[in-house]
Amino acid sequence: MNSIPYSRLALIYDRVMAHVNYKMWAQHINTLLQFSDIKVRSILDISCGTGKHIKFLSSKRREIVGADLSFQMLKAAQVNNNKGKTPFITNDARQTAFKANAFDAVVMMYDSINYMLEKSDVILLFDEVCRILKTGGIFIFDFVTEQALTDSYDDYYESNSWDGLAYERHSWFSKKDKFQHNEFIFLFNGKSYKESHIQIIHDLNEWRSLVKKSKMQLSHEFSNFSLLAPDKYSERIHFVCKKVF
């Protein structure tokens, strides 16, 4: 049975992604937030997923809102943050329900932007982020590169099972159309489900060009969770963009 992406995966997402160091991710975002000319008191994570990183971004002087297109992922985020005050809201990042000039910073983590297969959707995202950012606010997002996928996730297989649940994952990269395919098959309570996830892989110059078409200014580029500039070996690149007017 075919499933909507992240509907079944959400149930075991944190188990599948147990290898991710969410504290390190959040610490890197906190470092990049220093490039804003304003005090960052409000942050929107526009694709927060299960929100395991939220507590590492939080502070007494900072308000954080989590949003995601997947209601099932947000249910997991609420469980993961049951002692916090973070609101979680189902939203399409291309057209949110937030007011204009609402946030000092917007973040989009873990190559979520690669799931926007059409460049027109990326432009809509950038325009919406610009609308809800305060002047001087920043947008931080990261994307994976072809280098990362050909090194680690081209014809990649993974499987696991526990407590009557099981999953299989097959990932492959199509150089012809620049699509990264991630196919999951789950077994829950004796029933099998299939989810297909596709990402588009643009090169660095394509991402720069897309930002130039927006109302934001690309202020910094960083490679592989460092403060170094990207090069041909970069597997993940963070962009820091600023709303200048």
C-alpha atoms as a PDB file:
ATOM      1  CA  MET A   1       0.000   0.000   0.000  1.00  0.00           C
ATOM      2  CA  ASN A   2       1.398   3.403  -0.992  1.00  0.00           C
ATOM      3  CA  SER A   3       1.540   6.103   1.688  1.00  0.00           C
ATOM      4  CA  ILE A   4       1.802   9.878   1.655  1.00  0.00           C
ATOM      5  CA  PRO A   5       5.475  10.814   2.284  1.00  0.00           C
ATOM      6  CA  TYR A   6       6.249  11.069   6.000  1.00  0.00           C
ATOM      7  CA  SER A   7       2.897   9.632   7.059  1.00  0.00           C
ATOM      8  CA  ARG A   8       4.283   6.200   7.975  1.00  0.00           C
ATOM      9  CA  LEU A   9       7.915   7.212   8.240  1.00  0.00           C
ATOM     10  CA  ALA A  10       6.947   9.720  10.952  1.00  0.00           C
ATOM     11  CA  LEU A  11       6.062   6.807  13.251  1.00  0.00           C
ATOM     12  CA  ILE A  12       9.651   5.550  13.289  1.00  0.00           C
ATOM     13  CA  TYR A  13      11.549   8.580  11.972  1.00  0.00           C
ATOM     14  CA  ASP A  14      13.513   9.202  15.169  1.00  0.00           C
ATOM     15  CA  ARG A  15      14.562   5.555  15.295  1.00  0.00           C
ATOM     16  CA  VAL A  16      15.679   5.621  11.647  1.00  0.00           C
ATOM     17  CA  MET A  17      17.559   8.894  12.230  1.00  0.00           C
ATOM     18  CA  ALA A  18      19.080   7.905  15.578  1.00  0.00           C
ATOM     19  CA  HIS A  19      22.554   8.576  14.157  1.00  0.00           C
ATOM     20  CA  VAL A  20      21.879  12.313  13.753  1.00  0.00           C
ATOM     21  CA  ASN A  21      23.577  14.637  16.247  1.00  0.00           C
ATOM     22  CA  TYR A  22      20.790  17.174  16.695  1.00  0.00           C
ATOM     23  CA  LYS A  23      22.717  19.115  19.321  1.00  0.00           C
ATOM     24  CA  MET A  24      25.570  19.675  16.877  1.00  0.00           C
ATOM     25  CA  TRP A  25      23.106  20.771  14.173  1.00  0.00           C
ATOM     26  CA  ALA A  26      21.511  23.297  16.520  1.00  0.00           C
ATOM     27  CA  GLN A  27      24.856  24.589  17.756  1.00  0.00           C
ATOM     28  CA  HIS A  28      25.901  25.254  14.167  1.00  0.00           C
ATOM     29  CA  ILE A  29      22.646  27.123  13.509  1.00  0.00           C
ATOM     30  CA  ASN A  30      23.224  29.157  16.667  1.00  0.00           C
ATOM     31  CA  THR A  31      26.675  30.067  15.362  1.00  0.00           C
ATOM     32  CA  LEU A  32      25.274  31.147  11.994  1.00  0.00           C
ATOM     33  CA  LEU A  33      22.618  33.269  13.698  1.00  0.00           C
ATOM     34  CA  GLN A  34      25.448  35.533  14.842  1.00  0.00           C
ATOM     35  CA  PHE A  35      25.612  36.940  11.309  1.00  0.00           C
ATOM     36  CA  SER A  36      22.386  38.874  11.847  1.00  0.00           C
ATOM     37  CA  ASP A  37      22.543  42.603  12.609  1.00  0.00           C
ATOM     38  CA  ILE A  38      19.538  42.268  14.938  1.00  0.00           C
ATOM     39  CA  LYS A  39      18.998  40.379  18.157  1.00  0.00           C
ATOM     40  CA  VAL A  40      17.360  37.088  17.295  1.00  0.00           C
ATOM     41  CA  ARG A  41      14.419  36.819  19.686  1.00  0.00           C
ATOM     42  CA  SER A  42      12.025  34.934  17.407  1.00  0.00           C
ATOM     43  CA  ILE A  43      12.750  31.953  15.139  1.00  0.00           C
ATOM     44  CA  LEU A  44      10.547  29.978  12.806  1.00  0.00           C
ATOM     45  CA  ASP A  45      11.732  26.506  11.895  1.00  0.00           C
ATOM     46  CA  ILE A  46       9.749  26.194   8.691  1.00  0.00           C
ATOM     47  CA  SER A  47      10.366  22.426   8.259  1.00  0.00           C
ATOM     48  CA  CYS A  48      10.903  21.240  11.822  1.00  0.00           C
ATOM     49  CA  GLY A  49      10.099  17.561  11.333  1.00  0.00           C
ATOM     50  CA  THR A  50       9.999  15.722  14.671  1.00  0.00           C
ATOM     51  CA  GLY A  51      11.618  18.685  16.401  1.00  0.00           C
ATOM     52  CA  LYS A  52      14.362  16.859  18.301  1.00  0.00           C
ATOM     53  CA  HIS A  53      16.702  19.829  17.808  1.00  0.00           C
ATOM     54  CA  ILE A  54      14.255  22.419  19.169  1.00  0.00           C
ATOM     55  CA  LYS A  55      15.434  22.249  22.779  1.00  0.00           C
ATOM     56  CA  PHE A  56      18.977  23.040  21.635  1.00  0.00           C
ATOM     57  CA  LEU A  57      17.801  26.192  19.827  1.00  0.00           C
ATOM     58  CA  SER A  58      15.631  27.344  22.709  1.00  0.00           C
ATOM     59  CA  SER A  59      16.525  29.869  25.377  1.00  0.00           C
ATOM     60  CA  LYS A  60      14.675  32.018  27.899  1.00  0.00           C
ATOM     61  CA  ARG A  61      15.049  35.062  25.651  1.00  0.00           C
ATOM     62  CA  ARG A  62      14.034  33.371  22.432  1.00  0.00           C
ATOM     63  CA  GLU A  63      10.657  32.331  21.059  1.00  0.00           C
ATOM     64  CA  ILE A  64      10.625  29.407  18.634  1.00  0.00           C
ATOM     65  CA  VAL A  65       7.788  28.231  16.422  1.00  0.00           C
ATOM     66  CA  GLY A  66       7.899  24.908  14.592  1.00  0.00           C
ATOM     67  CA  ALA A  67       6.088  24.329  11.302  1.00  0.00           C
ATOM     68  CA  ASP A  68       5.941  21.427   8.884  1.00  0.00           C
ATOM     69  CA  LEU A  69       3.797  20.190   6.026  1.00  0.00           C
ATOM     70  CA  SER A  70       3.429  16.764   7.676  1.00  0.00           C
ATOM     71  CA  PHE A  71       0.885  16.609  10.488  1.00  0.00           C
ATOM     72  CA  GLN A  72       2.257  13.214  11.514  1.00  0.00           C
ATOM     73  CA  MET A  73       5.772  14.616  11.936  1.00  0.00           C
ATOM     74  CA  LEU A  74       4.388  17.452  14.056  1.00  0.00           C
ATOM     75  CA  LYS A  75       2.613  14.971  16.325  1.00  0.00           C
ATOM     76  CA  ALA A  76       6.016  13.411  16.990  1.00  0.00           C
ATOM     77  CA  ALA A  77       7.483  16.888  17.572  1.00  0.00           C
ATOM     78  CA  GLN A  78       4.875  17.596  20.240  1.00  0.00           C
ATOM     79  CA  VAL A  79       5.823  14.363  22.018  1.00  0.00           C
ATOM     80  CA  ASN A  80       9.525  15.182  21.781  1.00  0.00           C
ATOM     81  CA  ASN A  81       8.943  18.642  23.269  1.00  0.00           C
ATOM     82  CA  ASN A  82       6.212  17.886  25.806  1.00  0.00           C
ATOM     83  CA  LYS A  83       7.940  19.968  28.477  1.00  0.00           C
ATOM     84  CA  GLY A  84       8.456  22.976  26.238  1.00  0.00           C
ATOM     85  CA  LYS A  85       6.304  25.874  25.141  1.00  0.00           C
ATOM     86  CA  THR A  86       7.081  25.624  21.439  1.00  0.00           C
ATOM     87  CA  PRO A  87       3.945  25.776  19.277  1.00  0.00           C
ATOM     88  CA  PHE A  88       3.873  23.430  16.290  1.00  0.00           C
ATOM     89  CA  ILE A  89       1.767  24.403  13.288  1.00  0.00           C
ATOM     90  CA  THR A  90       0.951  22.544  10.076  1.00  0.00           C
ATOM     91  CA  ASN A  91       1.955  24.850   7.207  1.00  0.00           C
ATOM     92  CA  ASP A  92       3.102  24.777   3.620  1.00  0.00           C
ATOM     93  CA  ALA A  93       6.397  26.689   3.559  1.00  0.00           C
ATOM     94  CA  ARG A  94       5.450  28.321   0.260  1.00  0.00           C
ATOM     95  CA  GLN A  95       2.357  29.957   1.752  1.00  0.00           C
ATOM     96  CA  THR A  96       2.232  30.166   5.533  1.00  0.00           C
ATOM     97  CA  ALA A  97      -0.394  31.573   7.888  1.00  0.00           C
ATOM     98  CA  PHE A  98       2.101  33.838   9.677  1.00  0.00           C
ATOM     99  CA  LYS A  99       1.903  37.614   9.696  1.00  0.00           C
ATOM    100  CA  ALA A 100       4.341  39.778   7.761  1.00  0.00           C
ATOM    101  CA  ASN A 101       7.498  40.870   9.600  1.00  0.00           C
ATOM    102  CA  ALA A 102       6.881  38.272  12.304  1.00  0.00           C
ATOM    103  CA  PHE A 103      10.311  36.674  12.818  1.00  0.00           C
ATOM    104  CA  ASP A 104      13.930  37.663  13.299  1.00  0.00           C
ATOM    105  CA  ALA A 105      15.109  34.415  11.722  1.00  0.00           C
ATOM    106  CA  VAL A 106      13.750  31.517   9.697  1.00  0.00           C
ATOM    107  CA  VAL A 107      15.593  28.207   9.414  1.00  0.00           C
ATOM    108  CA  MET A 108      15.089  25.264   7.084  1.00  0.00           C
ATOM    109  CA  MET A 109      17.265  22.366   8.156  1.00  0.00           C
ATOM    110  CA  TYR A 110      18.407  18.946   7.025  1.00  0.00           C
ATOM    111  CA  ASP A 111      18.213  19.501   3.245  1.00  0.00           C
ATOM    112  CA  SER A 112      14.450  20.036   3.419  1.00  0.00           C
ATOM    113  CA  ILE A 113      14.747  22.506   0.558  1.00  0.00           C
ATOM    114  CA  ASN A 114      15.969  19.718  -1.725  1.00  0.00           C
ATOM    115  CA  TYR A 115      12.437  18.288  -1.644  1.00  0.00           C
ATOM    116  CA  MET A 116      11.158  21.276  -3.612  1.00  0.00           C
ATOM    117  CA  LEU A 117      11.478  19.770  -7.064  1.00  0.00           C
ATOM    118  CA  GLU A 118      10.482  22.835  -9.071  1.00  0.00           C
ATOM    119  CA  LYS A 119      12.562  26.007  -9.081  1.00  0.00           C
ATOM    120  CA  SER A 120       9.329  27.981  -9.099  1.00  0.00           C
ATOM    121  CA  ASP A 121       8.478  26.487  -5.705  1.00  0.00           C
ATOM    122  CA  VAL A 122      11.866  27.521  -4.336  1.00  0.00           C
ATOM    123  CA  ILE A 123      11.191  31.096  -5.467  1.00  0.00           C
ATOM    124  CA  LEU A 124       7.774  30.986  -3.774  1.00  0.00           C
ATOM    125  CA  LEU A 125       9.493  29.775  -0.600  1.00  0.00           C
ATOM    126  CA  PHE A 126      12.044  32.588  -0.718  1.00  0.00           C
ATOM    127  CA  ASP A 127       9.324  35.193  -1.277  1.00  0.00           C
ATOM    128  CA  GLU A 128       7.283  33.844   1.623  1.00  0.00           C
ATOM    129  CA  VAL A 129      10.289  33.767   3.953  1.00  0.00           C
ATOM    130  CA  CYS A 130      11.080  37.333   2.988  1.00  0.00           C
ATOM    131  CA  ARG A 131       7.482  38.350   3.745  1.00  0.00           C
ATOM    132  CA  ILE A 132       7.475  36.922   7.279  1.00  0.00           C
ATOM    133  CA  LEU A 133      11.007  38.090   8.159  1.00  0.00           C
ATOM    134  CA  LYS A 134      11.661  41.419   9.814  1.00  0.00           C
ATOM    135  CA  THR A 135      13.960  43.798   7.941  1.00  0.00           C
ATOM    136  CA  GLY A 136      17.508  42.699   8.696  1.00  0.00           C
ATOM    137  CA  GLY A 137      16.333  39.204   9.558  1.00  0.00           C
ATOM    138  CA  ILE A 138      18.055  36.125   8.204  1.00  0.00           C
ATOM    139  CA  PHE A 139      17.108  32.877   6.525  1.00  0.00           C
ATOM    140  CA  ILE A 140      19.391  29.881   7.040  1.00  0.00           C
ATOM    141  CA  PHE A 141      18.991  26.751   4.955  1.00  0.00           C
ATOM    142  CA  ASP A 142      21.199  23.871   3.907  1.00  0.00           C
ATOM    143  CA  PHE A 143      21.272  21.595   0.901  1.00  0.00           C
ATOM    144  CA  VAL A 144      23.071  18.397   0.001  1.00  0.00           C
ATOM    145  CA  THR A 145      25.336  18.147  -3.018  1.00  0.00           C
ATOM    146  CA  GLU A 146      25.919  15.547  -5.687  1.00  0.00           C
ATOM    147  CA  GLN A 147      29.232  14.832  -3.974  1.00  0.00           C
ATOM    148  CA  ALA A 148      27.430  13.678  -0.819  1.00  0.00           C
ATOM    149  CA  LEU A 149      25.008  11.434  -2.638  1.00  0.00           C
ATOM    150  CA  THR A 150      27.489   9.745  -4.935  1.00  0.00           C
ATOM    151  CA  ASP A 151      29.810   9.175  -1.940  1.00  0.00           C
ATOM    152  CA  SER A 152      27.288   7.812   0.540  1.00  0.00           C
ATOM    153  CA  TYR A 153      23.772   7.256  -0.809  1.00  0.00           C
ATOM    154  CA  ASP A 154      24.046   5.986  -4.361  1.00  0.00           C
ATOM    155  CA  ASP A 155      22.541   2.477  -4.450  1.00  0.00           C
ATOM    156  CA  TYR A 156      22.353   2.461  -0.664  1.00  0.00           C
ATOM    157  CA  TYR A 157      20.450  -0.199   1.273  1.00  0.00           C
ATOM    158  CA  GLU A 158      19.396  -0.255   4.907  1.00  0.00           C
ATOM    159  CA  SER A 159      16.992  -2.348   6.986  1.00  0.00           C
ATOM    160  CA  ASN A 160      16.055  -2.819  10.630  1.00  0.00           C
ATOM    161  CA  SER A 161      13.342  -4.332  12.805  1.00  0.00           C
ATOM    162  CA  TRP A 162      12.198  -4.133  16.441  1.00  0.00           C
ATOM    163  CA  ASP A 163       9.061  -4.764  18.491  1.00  0.00           C
ATOM    164  CA  GLY A 164       7.099  -6.139  15.565  1.00  0.00           C
ATOM    165  CA  LEU A 165       8.021  -3.238  13.267  1.00  0.00           C
ATOM    166  CA  ALA A 166      10.368  -3.357  10.305  1.00  0.00           C
ATOM    167  CA  TYR A 167      11.548  -1.194   7.434  1.00  0.00           C
ATOM    168  CA  GLU A 168      13.726  -1.400   4.353  1.00  0.00           C
ATOM    169  CA  ARG A 169      15.309   1.592   2.634  1.00  0.00           C
ATOM    170  CA  HIS A 170      16.786   1.822  -0.840  1.00  0.00           C
ATOM    171  CA  SER A 171      18.379   5.078  -2.001  1.00  0.00           C
ATOM    172  CA  TRP A 172      19.852   5.881  -5.401  1.00  0.00           C
ATOM    173  CA  PHE A 173      20.949   8.941  -7.353  1.00  0.00           C
ATOM    174  CA  SER A 174      20.000   9.554 -10.970  1.00  0.00           C
ATOM    175  CA  LYS A 175      22.699  11.666 -12.604  1.00  0.00           C
ATOM    176  CA  LYS A 176      20.546  12.171 -15.699  1.00  0.00           C
ATOM    177  CA  ASP A 177      17.768  14.134 -13.986  1.00  0.00           C
ATOM    178  CA  LYS A 178      19.656  14.977 -10.737  1.00  0.00           C
ATOM    179  CA  PHE A 179      17.035  13.240  -8.591  1.00  0.00           C
ATOM    180  CA  GLN A 180      17.864  11.485  -5.352  1.00  0.00           C
ATOM    181  CA  HIS A 181      15.352   8.704  -4.672  1.00  0.00           C
ATOM    182  CA  ASN A 182      14.661   7.359  -1.187  1.00  0.00           C
ATOM    183  CA  GLU A 183      12.218   4.469  -1.128  1.00  0.00           C
ATOM    184  CA  PHE A 184      10.946   2.996   2.135  1.00  0.00           C
ATOM    185  CA  ILE A 185       8.936  -0.147   2.735  1.00  0.00           C
ATOM    186  CA  PHE A 186       7.438  -0.510   6.223  1.00  0.00           C
ATOM    187  CA  LEU A 187       5.828  -3.420   8.008  1.00  0.00           C
ATOM    188  CA  PHE A 188       3.365  -2.382  10.728  1.00  0.00           C
ATOM    189  CA  ASN A 189       1.054  -4.894  12.411  1.00  0.00           C
ATOM    190  CA  GLY A 190       1.442  -7.348   9.551  1.00  0.00           C
ATOM    191  CA  LYS A 191       0.648  -4.777   6.839  1.00  0.00           C
ATOM    192  CA  SER A 192       3.203  -3.345   4.427  1.00  0.00           C
ATOM    193  CA  TYR A 193       3.378   0.263   3.235  1.00  0.00           C
ATOM    194  CA  LYS A 194       5.584   2.013   0.708  1.00  0.00           C
ATOM    195  CA  GLU A 195       6.755   5.626   0.721  1.00  0.00           C
ATOM    196  CA  SER A 196       8.764   7.307  -2.008  1.00  0.00           C
ATOM    197  CA  HIS A 197      10.748  10.474  -1.310  1.00  0.00           C
ATOM    198  CA  ILE A 198      12.481  12.450  -4.071  1.00  0.00           C
ATOM    199  CA  GLN A 199      14.995  15.287  -3.807  1.00  0.00           C
ATOM    200  CA  ILE A 200      16.395  17.510  -6.546  1.00  0.00           C
ATOM    201  CA  ILE A 201      20.127  18.211  -6.478  1.00  0.00           C
ATOM    202  CA  HIS A 202      21.139  21.617  -7.798  1.00  0.00           C
ATOM    203  CA  ASP A 203      24.767  22.680  -7.964  1.00  0.00           C
ATOM    204  CA  LEU A 204      26.137  25.600  -5.954  1.00  0.00           C
ATOM    205  CA  ASN A 205      25.778  28.141  -8.746  1.00  0.00           C
ATOM    206  CA  GLU A 206      22.143  27.155  -9.325  1.00  0.00           C
ATOM    207  CA  TRP A 207      21.358  27.795  -5.662  1.00  0.00           C
ATOM    208  CA  ARG A 208      23.119  31.164  -5.854  1.00  0.00           C
ATOM    209  CA  SER A 209      21.082  32.053  -8.923  1.00  0.00           C
ATOM    210  CA  LEU A 210      17.818  31.141  -7.183  1.00  0.00           C
ATOM    211  CA  VAL A 211      18.633  33.392  -4.230  1.00  0.00           C
ATOM    212  CA  LYS A 212      19.440  36.239  -6.629  1.00  0.00           C
ATOM    213  CA  LYS A 213      15.915  35.945  -8.042  1.00  0.00           C
ATOM    214  CA  SER A 214      14.477  36.559  -4.582  1.00  0.00           C
ATOM    215  CA  LYS A 215      14.215  39.678  -2.443  1.00  0.00           C
ATOM    216  CA  MET A 216      16.955  38.435  -0.130  1.00  0.00           C
ATOM    217  CA  GLN A 217      20.693  38.870  -0.225  1.00  0.00           C
ATOM    218  CA  LEU A 218      23.073  35.925   0.085  1.00  0.00           C
ATOM    219  CA  SER A 219      25.519  37.021   2.761  1.00  0.00           C
ATOM    220  CA  HIS A 220      27.475  33.837   3.607  1.00  0.00           C
ATOM    221  CA  GLU A 221      28.122  30.286   2.407  1.00  0.00           C
ATOM    222  CA  PHE A 222      29.570  27.565   4.632  1.00  0.00           C
ATOM    223  CA  SER A 223      30.724  24.018   3.996  1.00  0.00           C
ATOM    224  CA  ASN A 224      30.202  20.830   6.004  1.00  0.00           C
ATOM    225  CA  PHE A 225      29.255  22.361   9.383  1.00  0.00           C
ATOM    226  CA  SER A 226      32.305  24.624   9.364  1.00  0.00           C
ATOM    227  CA  LEU A 227      32.909  28.322   8.756  1.00  0.00           C
ATOM    228  CA  LEU A 228      34.923  27.491   5.638  1.00  0.00           C
ATOM    229  CA  ALA A 229      33.781  28.361   2.124  1.00  0.00           C
ATOM    230  CA  PRO A 230      32.317  25.578  -0.040  1.00  0.00           C
ATOM    231  CA  ASP A 231      34.488  23.737  -2.539  1.00  0.00           C
ATOM    232  CA  LYS A 232      34.056  20.810  -4.917  1.00  0.00           C
ATOM    233  CA  TYR A 233      34.313  18.367  -2.017  1.00  0.00           C
ATOM    234  CA  SER A 234      31.511  19.925   0.037  1.00  0.00           C
ATOM    235  CA  GLU A 235      28.747  17.462   0.877  1.00  0.00           C
ATOM    236  CA  ARG A 236      26.437  19.882   2.666  1.00  0.00           C
ATOM    237  CA  ILE A 237      26.329  23.662   2.279  1.00  0.00           C
ATOM    238  CA  HIS A 238      24.611  26.229   4.488  1.00  0.00           C
ATOM    239  CA  PHE A 239      23.411  29.530   3.048  1.00  0.00           C
ATOM    240  CA  VAL A 240      22.823  32.576   5.236  1.00  0.00           C
ATOM    241  CA  CYS A 241      20.504  35.047   3.488  1.00  0.00           C
ATOM    242  CA  LYS A 242      19.384  38.445   4.709  1.00  0.00           C
ATOM    243  CA  LYS A 243      16.248  40.487   4.162  1.00  0.00           C
ATOM    244  CA  VAL A 244      17.693  43.906   3.392  1.00  0.00           C
ATOM    245  CA  PHE A 245      14.461  45.887   2.850  1.00  0.00           C
END
